[in-house]
């Protein structure tokens, strides 16, 4: 992994009312690896208990790696993907 990659952090979008919940799943990916993204674009949707949360791109660039597959469980604070900034 290159040091210039920007992680897509799950903690950045974790709802305040779900702060006691430690695990979620990736419900949908809207962007494939290798695709260009703009900062703020919705790149994924995560499911925390019964709440769906959109995950925005934290930077403009190329989504180079998805670290969590659809329907895979992850913990709050885990990186979901990596973006190479433009």
Foldseek 3Di string as FASTA:
>chain_A
DDPQKDFQAQQVFDDPVLVVQWKKFFADAPDDAFDWFAFQDFGTWIQGPNDITTGGDNATAGFHFAPHDGPGMDTHGDTGTIGRHD
